[in-house]
C-alpha atoms as a PDB file:
ATOM      1  CA  UNK A   1      -0.146   0.244   0.105  1.00  0.00           C
ATOM      2  CA  UNK A   2       1.344   3.543  -0.805  1.00  0.00           C
ATOM      3  CA  UNK A   3       0.659   6.353   1.724  1.00  0.00           C
ATOM      4  CA  UNK A   4      -1.091   9.520  -0.169  1.00  0.00           C
ATOM      5  CA  UNK A   5       1.304  12.284   0.818  1.00  0.00           C
ATOM      6  CA  UNK A   6      -1.074  15.696   1.536  1.00  0.00           C
ATOM      7  CA  UNK A   7       0.883  19.317   0.627  1.00  0.00           C
ATOM      8  CA  UNK A   8      -1.586  20.781   2.513  1.00  0.00           C
ATOM      9  CA  UNK A   9      -0.878  22.502   5.745  1.00  0.00           C
ATOM     10  CA  UNK A  10      -3.062  23.938   8.194  1.00  0.00           C
ATOM     11  CA  UNK A  11      -2.322  27.295   9.403  1.00  0.00           C
ATOM     12  CA  UNK A  12      -1.975  28.197  13.314  1.00  0.00           C
ATOM     13  CA  UNK A  13      -1.977  32.041  12.368  1.00  0.00           C
ATOM     14  CA  UNK A  14      -2.613  34.472   9.994  1.00  0.00           C
ATOM     15  CA  UNK A  15       0.404  36.259   9.240  1.00  0.00           C
ATOM     16  CA  UNK A  16       0.235  39.997   7.462  1.00  0.00           C
ATOM     17  CA  UNK A  17       2.797  41.197   5.426  1.00  0.00           C
ATOM     18  CA  UNK A  18       1.949  45.379   5.936  1.00  0.00           C
ATOM     19  CA  UNK A  19       5.586  47.392   4.981  1.00  0.00           C
ATOM     20  CA  UNK A  20       9.106  46.218   5.016  1.00  0.00           C
ATOM     21  CA  UNK A  21       9.937  46.000   8.654  1.00  0.00           C
ATOM     22  CA  UNK A  22       6.117  45.548   9.764  1.00  0.00           C
ATOM     23  CA  UNK A  23       3.872  42.305   9.983  1.00  0.00           C
ATOM     24  CA  UNK A  24       0.958  41.145  11.877  1.00  0.00           C
ATOM     25  CA  UNK A  25       0.347  37.919  13.389  1.00  0.00           C
ATOM     26  CA  UNK A  26      -3.132  37.193  14.233  1.00  0.00           C
ATOM     27  CA  UNK A  27      -4.363  40.831  14.705  1.00  0.00           C
ATOM     28  CA  UNK A  28      -1.214  42.182  16.696  1.00  0.00           C
ATOM     29  CA  UNK A  29       2.076  43.997  14.783  1.00  0.00           C
ATOM     30  CA  UNK A  30       5.042  43.063  14.985  1.00  0.00           C
ATOM     31  CA  UNK A  31       8.076  44.940  13.861  1.00  0.00           C
ATOM     32  CA  UNK A  32      10.802  42.834  12.637  1.00  0.00           C
ATOM     33  CA  UNK A  33      13.922  43.807  14.166  1.00  0.00           C
ATOM     34  CA  UNK A  34      16.804  41.655  12.811  1.00  0.00           C
ATOM     35  CA  UNK A  35      16.200  39.010   9.671  1.00  0.00           C
ATOM     36  CA  UNK A  36      19.779  37.476   9.744  1.00  0.00           C
ATOM     37  CA  UNK A  37      20.172  35.053   7.080  1.00  0.00           C
ATOM     38  CA  UNK A  38      16.837  35.811   5.334  1.00  0.00           C
ATOM     39  CA  UNK A  39      15.455  33.504   8.432  1.00  0.00           C
ATOM     40  CA  UNK A  40      11.682  35.140   8.282  1.00  0.00           C
ATOM     41  CA  UNK A  41       9.013  33.211   6.088  1.00  0.00           C
ATOM     42  CA  UNK A  42       5.925  34.122   6.478  1.00  0.00           C
ATOM     43  CA  UNK A  43       4.117  30.602   5.298  1.00  0.00           C
ATOM     44  CA  UNK A  44       6.573  28.620   7.859  1.00  0.00           C
ATOM     45  CA  UNK A  45       5.177  31.285  10.584  1.00  0.00           C
ATOM     46  CA  UNK A  46       1.410  30.805  10.132  1.00  0.00           C
ATOM     47  CA  UNK A  47       2.342  26.880   9.997  1.00  0.00           C
ATOM     48  CA  UNK A  48       4.436  26.767  13.495  1.00  0.00           C
ATOM     49  CA  UNK A  49       2.870  29.713  15.495  1.00  0.00           C
ATOM     50  CA  UNK A  50       1.200  29.414  18.503  1.00  0.00           C
ATOM     51  CA  UNK A  51      -1.049  31.481  20.618  1.00  0.00           C
ATOM     52  CA  UNK A  52       1.126  31.184  24.469  1.00  0.00           C
ATOM     53  CA  UNK A  53       3.750  33.521  22.110  1.00  0.00           C
ATOM     54  CA  UNK A  54       1.031  36.030  22.523  1.00  0.00           C
ATOM     55  CA  UNK A  55       2.433  37.576  25.994  1.00  0.00           C
ATOM     56  CA  UNK A  56       5.870  38.158  24.691  1.00  0.00           C
ATOM     57  CA  UNK A  57       7.424  41.172  23.819  1.00  0.00           C
ATOM     58  CA  UNK A  58       9.579  39.786  21.839  1.00  0.00           C
ATOM     59  CA  UNK A  59       9.514  36.488  19.244  1.00  0.00           C
ATOM     60  CA  UNK A  60      12.893  35.103  17.736  1.00  0.00           C
ATOM     61  CA  UNK A  61      12.504  32.614  15.407  1.00  0.00           C
ATOM     62  CA  UNK A  62      15.516  30.313  14.556  1.00  0.00           C
ATOM     63  CA  UNK A  63      16.095  27.777  12.020  1.00  0.00           C
ATOM     64  CA  UNK A  64      17.700  24.758  12.632  1.00  0.00           C
ATOM     65  CA  UNK A  65      17.607  21.328  10.483  1.00  0.00           C
ATOM     66  CA  UNK A  66      14.798  22.667   8.442  1.00  0.00           C
ATOM     67  CA  UNK A  67      12.660  23.083  11.610  1.00  0.00           C
ATOM     68  CA  UNK A  68      11.378  26.911  12.640  1.00  0.00           C
ATOM     69  CA  UNK A  69      11.584  27.047  16.490  1.00  0.00           C
ATOM     70  CA  UNK A  70      10.280  29.922  18.053  1.00  0.00           C
ATOM     71  CA  UNK A  71      11.477  31.849  21.893  1.00  0.00           C
ATOM     72  CA  UNK A  72       9.712  33.971  23.606  1.00  0.00           C
ATOM     73  CA  UNK A  73      11.421  37.074  25.282  1.00  0.00           C
ATOM     74  CA  UNK A  74       9.851  40.039  28.006  1.00  0.00           C
ATOM     75  CA  UNK A  75      11.824  43.934  28.181  1.00  0.00           C
ATOM     76  CA  UNK A  76      14.251  43.506  31.087  1.00  0.00           C
ATOM     77  CA  UNK A  77      12.440  45.810  33.109  1.00  0.00           C
ATOM     78  CA  UNK A  78       9.166  43.869  33.226  1.00  0.00           C
ATOM     79  CA  UNK A  79       8.505  41.684  36.643  1.00  0.00           C
ATOM     80  CA  UNK A  80       7.561  38.568  35.372  1.00  0.00           C
ATOM     81  CA  UNK A  81      10.700  38.346  33.548  1.00  0.00           C
ATOM     82  CA  UNK A  82      12.946  35.481  34.816  1.00  0.00           C
ATOM     83  CA  UNK A  83      16.834  35.472  33.548  1.00  0.00           C
ATOM     84  CA  UNK A  84      16.496  33.820  30.433  1.00  0.00           C
ATOM     85  CA  UNK A  85      13.555  35.245  29.415  1.00  0.00           C
ATOM     86  CA  UNK A  86      14.746  38.687  29.236  1.00  0.00           C
ATOM     87  CA  UNK A  87      16.117  40.238  25.897  1.00  0.00           C
ATOM     88  CA  UNK A  88      19.319  41.266  26.947  1.00  0.00           C
ATOM     89  CA  UNK A  89      19.846  37.304  27.404  1.00  0.00           C
ATOM     90  CA  UNK A  90      19.405  36.727  23.751  1.00  0.00           C
ATOM     91  CA  UNK A  91      22.528  36.681  22.151  1.00  0.00           C
ATOM     92  CA  UNK A  92      23.693  34.535  24.721  1.00  0.00           C
ATOM     93  CA  UNK A  93      20.605  32.160  23.847  1.00  0.00           C
ATOM     94  CA  UNK A  94      21.794  32.514  20.167  1.00  0.00           C
ATOM     95  CA  UNK A  95      24.935  31.064  21.233  1.00  0.00           C
ATOM     96  CA  UNK A  96      23.922  28.229  23.303  1.00  0.00           C
ATOM     97  CA  UNK A  97      20.882  26.942  21.966  1.00  0.00           C
ATOM     98  CA  UNK A  98      21.249  27.522  18.283  1.00  0.00           C
ATOM     99  CA  UNK A  99      23.146  26.153  15.395  1.00  0.00           C
ATOM    100  CA  UNK A 100      26.186  27.681  14.437  1.00  0.00           C
ATOM    101  CA  UNK A 101      25.212  30.170  11.892  1.00  0.00           C
ATOM    102  CA  UNK A 102      21.501  29.701  11.442  1.00  0.00           C
ATOM    103  CA  UNK A 103      19.383  32.113  10.134  1.00  0.00           C
ATOM    104  CA  UNK A 104      16.633  33.616  12.540  1.00  0.00           C
ATOM    105  CA  UNK A 105      14.903  36.491  13.218  1.00  0.00           C
ATOM    106  CA  UNK A 106      13.508  38.983  15.830  1.00  0.00           C
ATOM    107  CA  UNK A 107       9.783  39.759  16.181  1.00  0.00           C
ATOM    108  CA  UNK A 108       9.560  43.128  18.523  1.00  0.00           C
ATOM    109  CA  UNK A 109       5.562  43.724  19.757  1.00  0.00           C
ATOM    110  CA  UNK A 110       4.353  47.112  18.694  1.00  0.00           C
ATOM    111  CA  UNK A 111       1.873  47.762  21.465  1.00  0.00           C
ATOM    112  CA  UNK A 112       3.264  46.109  24.504  1.00  0.00           C
ATOM    113  CA  UNK A 113       0.994  45.160  28.047  1.00  0.00           C
ATOM    114  CA  UNK A 114       2.134  48.162  30.460  1.00  0.00           C
ATOM    115  CA  UNK A 115       4.969  47.682  32.644  1.00  0.00           C
ATOM    116  CA  UNK A 116       4.211  46.649  36.154  1.00  0.00           C
ATOM    117  CA  UNK A 117       5.722  48.915  38.851  1.00  0.00           C
ATOM    118  CA  UNK A 118       6.968  46.888  41.550  1.00  0.00           C
ATOM    119  CA  UNK A 119       5.094  49.771  44.406  1.00  0.00           C
ATOM    120  CA  UNK A 120       1.134  49.346  44.106  1.00  0.00           C
ATOM    121  CA  UNK A 121      -0.059  52.406  42.920  1.00  0.00           C
ATOM    122  CA  UNK A 122      -3.917  52.358  44.315  1.00  0.00           C
ATOM    123  CA  UNK A 123      -3.496  53.105  47.897  1.00  0.00           C
ATOM    124  CA  UNK A 124      -6.578  52.247  49.516  1.00  0.00           C
ATOM    125  CA  UNK A 125      -5.867  48.700  48.131  1.00  0.00           C
ATOM    126  CA  UNK A 126      -3.676  48.315  51.803  1.00  0.00           C
ATOM    127  CA  UNK A 127      -5.114  45.785  54.529  1.00  0.00           C
ATOM    128  CA  UNK A 128      -3.645  48.060  56.685  1.00  0.00           C
ATOM    129  CA  UNK A 129      -4.167  52.044  57.752  1.00  0.00           C
ATOM    130  CA  UNK A 130      -1.416  53.986  57.725  1.00  0.00           C
ATOM    131  CA  UNK A 131      -1.472  57.557  58.516  1.00  0.00           C
ATOM    132  CA  UNK A 132      -1.547  58.537  54.703  1.00  0.00           C
ATOM    133  CA  UNK A 133      -4.114  56.094  53.259  1.00  0.00           C
ATOM    134  CA  UNK A 134      -6.931  55.683  56.258  1.00  0.00           C
ATOM    135  CA  UNK A 135     -10.256  55.767  54.782  1.00  0.00           C
ATOM    136  CA  UNK A 136     -13.363  58.445  55.206  1.00  0.00           C
ATOM    137  CA  UNK A 137     -15.963  57.060  57.035  1.00  0.00           C
ATOM    138  CA  UNK A 138     -19.578  58.165  56.496  1.00  0.00           C
ATOM    139  CA  UNK A 139     -21.103  60.866  58.565  1.00  0.00           C
ATOM    140  CA  UNK A 140     -23.734  57.631  60.188  1.00  0.00           C
ATOM    141  CA  UNK A 141     -23.561  58.420  64.178  1.00  0.00           C
ATOM    142  CA  UNK A 142     -23.457  54.826  64.879  1.00  0.00           C
ATOM    143  CA  UNK A 143     -20.049  54.927  62.603  1.00  0.00           C
ATOM    144  CA  UNK A 144     -18.503  57.398  64.767  1.00  0.00           C
ATOM    145  CA  UNK A 145     -19.306  56.547  67.700  1.00  0.00           C
ATOM    146  CA  UNK A 146     -17.835  53.004  67.211  1.00  0.00           C
ATOM    147  CA  UNK A 147     -15.194  54.971  65.887  1.00  0.00           C
ATOM    148  CA  UNK A 148     -14.720  56.912  68.552  1.00  0.00           C
ATOM    149  CA  UNK A 149     -14.937  53.881  70.820  1.00  0.00           C
ATOM    150  CA  UNK A 150     -12.191  51.604  68.916  1.00  0.00           C
ATOM    151  CA  UNK A 151     -10.216  54.845  69.051  1.00  0.00           C
ATOM    152  CA  UNK A 152     -10.322  55.197  72.274  1.00  0.00           C
ATOM    153  CA  UNK A 153      -9.132  51.641  73.066  1.00  0.00           C
ATOM    154  CA  UNK A 154      -6.544  52.016  70.786  1.00  0.00           C
ATOM    155  CA  UNK A 155      -5.184  54.868  72.379  1.00  0.00           C
ATOM    156  CA  UNK A 156      -5.324  52.946  76.057  1.00  0.00           C
ATOM    157  CA  UNK A 157      -3.700  49.929  75.093  1.00  0.00           C
ATOM    158  CA  UNK A 158      -1.290  51.961  73.562  1.00  0.00           C
ATOM    159  CA  UNK A 159      -0.765  54.061  76.859  1.00  0.00           C
ATOM    160  CA  UNK A 160      -0.254  50.754  78.797  1.00  0.00           C
ATOM    161  CA  UNK A 161       2.788  49.833  76.249  1.00  0.00           C
ATOM    162  CA  UNK A 162       4.288  53.022  77.594  1.00  0.00           C
ATOM    163  CA  UNK A 163       3.760  52.806  80.815  1.00  0.00           C
ATOM    164  CA  UNK A 164       6.894  51.556  82.564  1.00  0.00           C
ATOM    165  CA  UNK A 165       6.290  49.302  85.565  1.00  0.00           C
ATOM    166  CA  UNK A 166       8.471  50.280  88.369  1.00  0.00           C
ATOM    167  CA  UNK A 167       8.925  47.528  91.123  1.00  0.00           C
ATOM    168  CA  UNK A 168      11.169  47.611  94.337  1.00  0.00           C
ATOM    169  CA  UNK A 169      14.643  47.348  93.779  1.00  0.00           C
ATOM    170  CA  UNK A 170      16.066  44.033  94.642  1.00  0.00           C
ATOM    171  CA  UNK A 171      19.500  44.132  96.785  1.00  0.00           C
ATOM    172  CA  UNK A 172      21.549  40.984  96.236  1.00  0.00           C
ATOM    173  CA  UNK A 173      24.257  40.382  98.690  1.00  0.00           C
ATOM    174  CA  UNK A 174      27.411  38.105  97.478  1.00  0.00           C
ATOM    175  CA  UNK A 175      27.474  35.401 100.484  1.00  0.00           C
ATOM    176  CA  UNK A 176      30.422  32.865 100.637  1.00  0.00           C
ATOM    177  CA  UNK A 177      29.765  29.033 100.740  1.00  0.00           C
ATOM    178  CA  UNK A 178      27.567  27.394 103.179  1.00  0.00           C
ATOM    179  CA  UNK A 179      26.738  31.231 104.402  1.00  0.00           C
ATOM    180  CA  UNK A 180      23.253  31.283 105.760  1.00  0.00           C
ATOM    181  CA  UNK A 181      21.123  34.114 104.913  1.00  0.00           C
ATOM    182  CA  UNK A 182      20.306  36.641 107.483  1.00  0.00           C
END
């Protein structure tokens, strides 16, 4: 029995070339930053692209044994990036994991997700209160009286902590072995 070869391949992504250095992959715009040895191939990207790559700021495609392989990278400042997923690691990746002299390309996402700060911007999300982020209470009298009682209890606790307990000073006498207390 002979096997019938099927030359039709399924497209996993829609790739449109807009200009020399601009493309869209599944309605997301990318800029071709580097195209080493004509590594960019629209048809092969359509066959091999995976939606997992959408979260990365940069996509690198490298060729080895006539197969296109993808790797995603983040901006260096991104909180979710690790050492090996930062774009500054690209040269090391090409040297260590790619075939020597292979063709590759680098795509940069045009509209990247905003960088997240390490600090919280919204102070009202804190689980604790500080002097700067106290919430203002409503003018309801029940809430005001409860707040006054609670604040008074807090003041009492703080005052108790500040008060030093004075005890009678004990005097000690050094005695010799066998000497009894008098």
